[in-house]
Structures are given as C-alpha cells and as structure tokens.
Amino acid sequence: MAWDLRGALLKKEERESSRLADFEFKRRVRTLRLLARKFSLDEKSIVALIAKGNDEEALDAITSAHRIDRSTLKMTFTHCAEKARKQLIGELGSPEPYRLL
C-alpha cells in the first residue's frame, strides 16, 4: 500500500485554506461589531456591509451614511481590527498555518 503525498498535501492545503478563511471572516465581523459599538451604530446593519464588499467599501458606506470623519473612522477601524485579532487568537489560537514535519 502506497502513501499518496500529493493527496495529503492537497488535503492539507484545503483544510488550511478553509481554517484561515474562517479566521479572517470572524476577524472582519468582530472588527465591524467593535467599530459599531465605538460609534453607537446598529451592529447588524454595519456587519451586513461585509456582504457588499471589502473593508474599504464598508468604511466608505459608514462614512457617507453616518457622517463620521474618515480619518477618525479609519484610525478606530485599525484599532478595532487589532483588538479583534488578539481576541480571536485568545479564543481560537494562532491563525498561522500548521507545518508538516
């Protein structure tokens, strides 16, 4: 019986890609939730912006809809993203890919 190295590597790639994409999605959601709380905005409507585009597009929508200064919003967003990442690492562990030994 032969061991399929290519198959194992493809399976690892699929699992790692899925795990990393899941972590990134959770980070984006948590970042926007924290941002909404900072500015006392409706969390559900802010988090729904994820489906409409990337983070910059979400910030543009928030800026135009709520008349928040873009530089203040961007600075707060960066702080919330760092906080969200630290929280998720504490809960889920590091998002770094697992190495094959």
C-alpha atoms as a PDB file:
ATOM      1  CA  MET A   1       0.000   0.000   0.000  1.00  0.00           C
ATOM      2  CA  ALA A   2       1.478   3.337  -1.068  1.00  0.00           C
ATOM      3  CA  TRP A   3       1.013   6.640   0.695  1.00  0.00           C
ATOM      4  CA  ASP A   4      -0.190   9.453  -1.567  1.00  0.00           C
ATOM      5  CA  LEU A   5       1.936  12.511  -0.694  1.00  0.00           C
ATOM      6  CA  ARG A   6       0.265  14.710  -3.312  1.00  0.00           C
ATOM      7  CA  GLY A   7      -3.172  13.813  -1.992  1.00  0.00           C
ATOM      8  CA  ALA A   8      -2.102  14.519   1.582  1.00  0.00           C
ATOM      9  CA  LEU A   9      -0.687  17.915   0.626  1.00  0.00           C
ATOM     10  CA  LEU A  10      -3.830  18.854  -1.299  1.00  0.00           C
ATOM     11  CA  LYS A  11      -5.983  17.832   1.643  1.00  0.00           C
ATOM     12  CA  LYS A  12      -3.788  19.891   4.000  1.00  0.00           C
ATOM     13  CA  GLU A  13      -3.996  22.887   1.675  1.00  0.00           C
ATOM     14  CA  GLU A  14      -7.771  22.657   1.557  1.00  0.00           C
ATOM     15  CA  ARG A  15      -8.058  22.338   5.334  1.00  0.00           C
ATOM     16  CA  GLU A  16      -5.609  25.196   5.983  1.00  0.00           C
ATOM     17  CA  SER A  17      -7.254  27.477   3.416  1.00  0.00           C
ATOM     18  CA  SER A  18     -10.633  26.846   4.989  1.00  0.00           C
ATOM     19  CA  ARG A  19      -9.337  27.458   8.500  1.00  0.00           C
ATOM     20  CA  LEU A  20      -7.575  30.684   7.523  1.00  0.00           C
ATOM     21  CA  ALA A  21     -10.585  31.982   5.568  1.00  0.00           C
ATOM     22  CA  ASP A  22     -12.811  31.245   8.566  1.00  0.00           C
ATOM     23  CA  PHE A  23     -10.448  33.141  10.881  1.00  0.00           C
ATOM     24  CA  GLU A  24     -10.325  36.115   8.511  1.00  0.00           C
ATOM     25  CA  PHE A  25     -14.116  36.248   8.213  1.00  0.00           C
ATOM     26  CA  LYS A  26     -14.526  36.134  12.001  1.00  0.00           C
ATOM     27  CA  ARG A  27     -11.936  38.911  12.333  1.00  0.00           C
ATOM     28  CA  ARG A  28     -13.824  41.110   9.860  1.00  0.00           C
ATOM     29  CA  VAL A  29     -17.148  40.549  11.626  1.00  0.00           C
ATOM     30  CA  ARG A  30     -15.710  41.212  15.057  1.00  0.00           C
ATOM     31  CA  THR A  31     -13.879  44.315  13.826  1.00  0.00           C
ATOM     32  CA  LEU A  32     -17.070  45.830  12.428  1.00  0.00           C
ATOM     33  CA  ARG A  33     -19.010  44.929  15.579  1.00  0.00           C
ATOM     34  CA  LEU A  34     -16.409  46.670  17.736  1.00  0.00           C
ATOM     35  CA  LEU A  35     -16.454  49.653  15.391  1.00  0.00           C
ATOM     36  CA  ALA A  36     -20.245  49.876  15.556  1.00  0.00           C
ATOM     37  CA  ARG A  37     -20.115  49.811  19.353  1.00  0.00           C
ATOM     38  CA  LYS A  38     -17.487  52.576  19.443  1.00  0.00           C
ATOM     39  CA  PHE A  39     -19.708  54.894  17.389  1.00  0.00           C
ATOM     40  CA  SER A  40     -23.040  53.646  18.852  1.00  0.00           C
ATOM     41  CA  LEU A  41     -24.248  52.354  15.479  1.00  0.00           C
ATOM     42  CA  ASP A  42     -26.553  49.433  14.716  1.00  0.00           C
ATOM     43  CA  GLU A  43     -24.289  46.355  14.684  1.00  0.00           C
ATOM     44  CA  LYS A  44     -26.454  44.302  12.335  1.00  0.00           C
ATOM     45  CA  SER A  45     -26.520  46.933   9.606  1.00  0.00           C
ATOM     46  CA  ILE A  46     -22.778  47.581   9.915  1.00  0.00           C
ATOM     47  CA  VAL A  47     -21.863  43.877   9.850  1.00  0.00           C
ATOM     48  CA  ALA A  48     -24.146  43.415   6.823  1.00  0.00           C
ATOM     49  CA  LEU A  49     -21.731  45.648   4.888  1.00  0.00           C
ATOM     50  CA  ILE A  50     -19.339  42.682   4.738  1.00  0.00           C
ATOM     51  CA  ALA A  51     -21.563  41.094   2.098  1.00  0.00           C
ATOM     52  CA  LYS A  52     -21.412  44.223  -0.043  1.00  0.00           C
ATOM     53  CA  GLY A  53     -17.662  44.498  -0.397  1.00  0.00           C
ATOM     54  CA  ASN A  54     -14.275  44.798   1.228  1.00  0.00           C
ATOM     55  CA  ASP A  55     -13.333  46.761   4.349  1.00  0.00           C
ATOM     56  CA  GLU A  56     -12.655  49.998   2.466  1.00  0.00           C
ATOM     57  CA  GLU A  57     -16.097  49.889   0.859  1.00  0.00           C
ATOM     58  CA  ALA A  58     -17.649  49.264   4.271  1.00  0.00           C
ATOM     59  CA  LEU A  59     -15.811  52.273   5.679  1.00  0.00           C
ATOM     60  CA  ASP A  60     -16.979  54.395   2.742  1.00  0.00           C
ATOM     61  CA  ALA A  61     -20.575  53.368   3.382  1.00  0.00           C
ATOM     62  CA  ILE A  62     -20.299  54.138   7.091  1.00  0.00           C
ATOM     63  CA  THR A  63     -18.679  57.494   6.395  1.00  0.00           C
ATOM     64  CA  SER A  64     -21.397  58.583   3.993  1.00  0.00           C
ATOM     65  CA  ALA A  65     -24.362  57.175   5.931  1.00  0.00           C
ATOM     66  CA  HIS A  66     -23.369  58.367   9.393  1.00  0.00           C
ATOM     67  CA  ARG A  67     -21.300  61.485   8.640  1.00  0.00           C
ATOM     68  CA  ILE A  68     -18.269  60.274  10.562  1.00  0.00           C
ATOM     69  CA  ASP A  69     -14.870  61.781   9.785  1.00  0.00           C
ATOM     70  CA  ARG A  70     -12.991  59.347   7.545  1.00  0.00           C
ATOM     71  CA  SER A  71      -9.623  59.696   9.286  1.00  0.00           C
ATOM     72  CA  THR A  72     -11.175  59.124  12.718  1.00  0.00           C
ATOM     73  CA  LEU A  73     -13.120  56.154  11.376  1.00  0.00           C
ATOM     74  CA  LYS A  74     -10.015  54.648   9.751  1.00  0.00           C
ATOM     75  CA  MET A  75      -7.940  55.065  12.909  1.00  0.00           C
ATOM     76  CA  THR A  76     -10.686  53.490  15.040  1.00  0.00           C
ATOM     77  CA  PHE A  77     -11.104  50.689  12.488  1.00  0.00           C
ATOM     78  CA  THR A  78      -7.383  49.859  12.694  1.00  0.00           C
ATOM     79  CA  HIS A  79      -7.547  49.770  16.489  1.00  0.00           C
ATOM     80  CA  CYS A  80     -10.675  47.563  16.405  1.00  0.00           C
ATOM     81  CA  ALA A  81      -9.046  45.199  13.877  1.00  0.00           C
ATOM     82  CA  GLU A  82      -6.031  44.721  16.158  1.00  0.00           C
ATOM     83  CA  LYS A  83      -8.266  44.147  19.166  1.00  0.00           C
ATOM     84  CA  ALA A  84     -10.439  41.666  17.233  1.00  0.00           C
ATOM     85  CA  ARG A  85      -7.374  39.721  16.083  1.00  0.00           C
ATOM     86  CA  LYS A  86      -5.999  39.484  19.630  1.00  0.00           C
ATOM     87  CA  GLN A  87      -9.372  38.338  20.959  1.00  0.00           C
ATOM     88  CA  LEU A  88      -9.703  35.657  18.275  1.00  0.00           C
ATOM     89  CA  ILE A  89      -6.165  34.399  18.823  1.00  0.00           C
ATOM     90  CA  GLY A  90      -7.010  34.097  22.521  1.00  0.00           C
ATOM     91  CA  GLU A  91     -10.155  32.125  21.703  1.00  0.00           C
ATOM     92  CA  LEU A  92      -9.144  30.075  18.645  1.00  0.00           C
ATOM     93  CA  GLY A  93      -5.365  30.038  18.712  1.00  0.00           C
ATOM     94  CA  SER A  94      -2.918  31.441  16.198  1.00  0.00           C
ATOM     95  CA  PRO A  95      -4.047  31.638  12.567  1.00  0.00           C
ATOM     96  CA  GLU A  96      -0.574  30.726  11.367  1.00  0.00           C
ATOM     97  CA  PRO A  97      -0.551  27.694   9.058  1.00  0.00           C
ATOM     98  CA  TYR A  98       0.394  24.378  10.597  1.00  0.00           C
ATOM     99  CA  ARG A  99       3.670  22.999   9.292  1.00  0.00           C
ATOM    100  CA  LEU A 100       4.164  19.481   8.087  1.00  0.00           C
ATOM    101  CA  LEU A 101       7.048  17.827   9.876  1.00  0.00           C
END
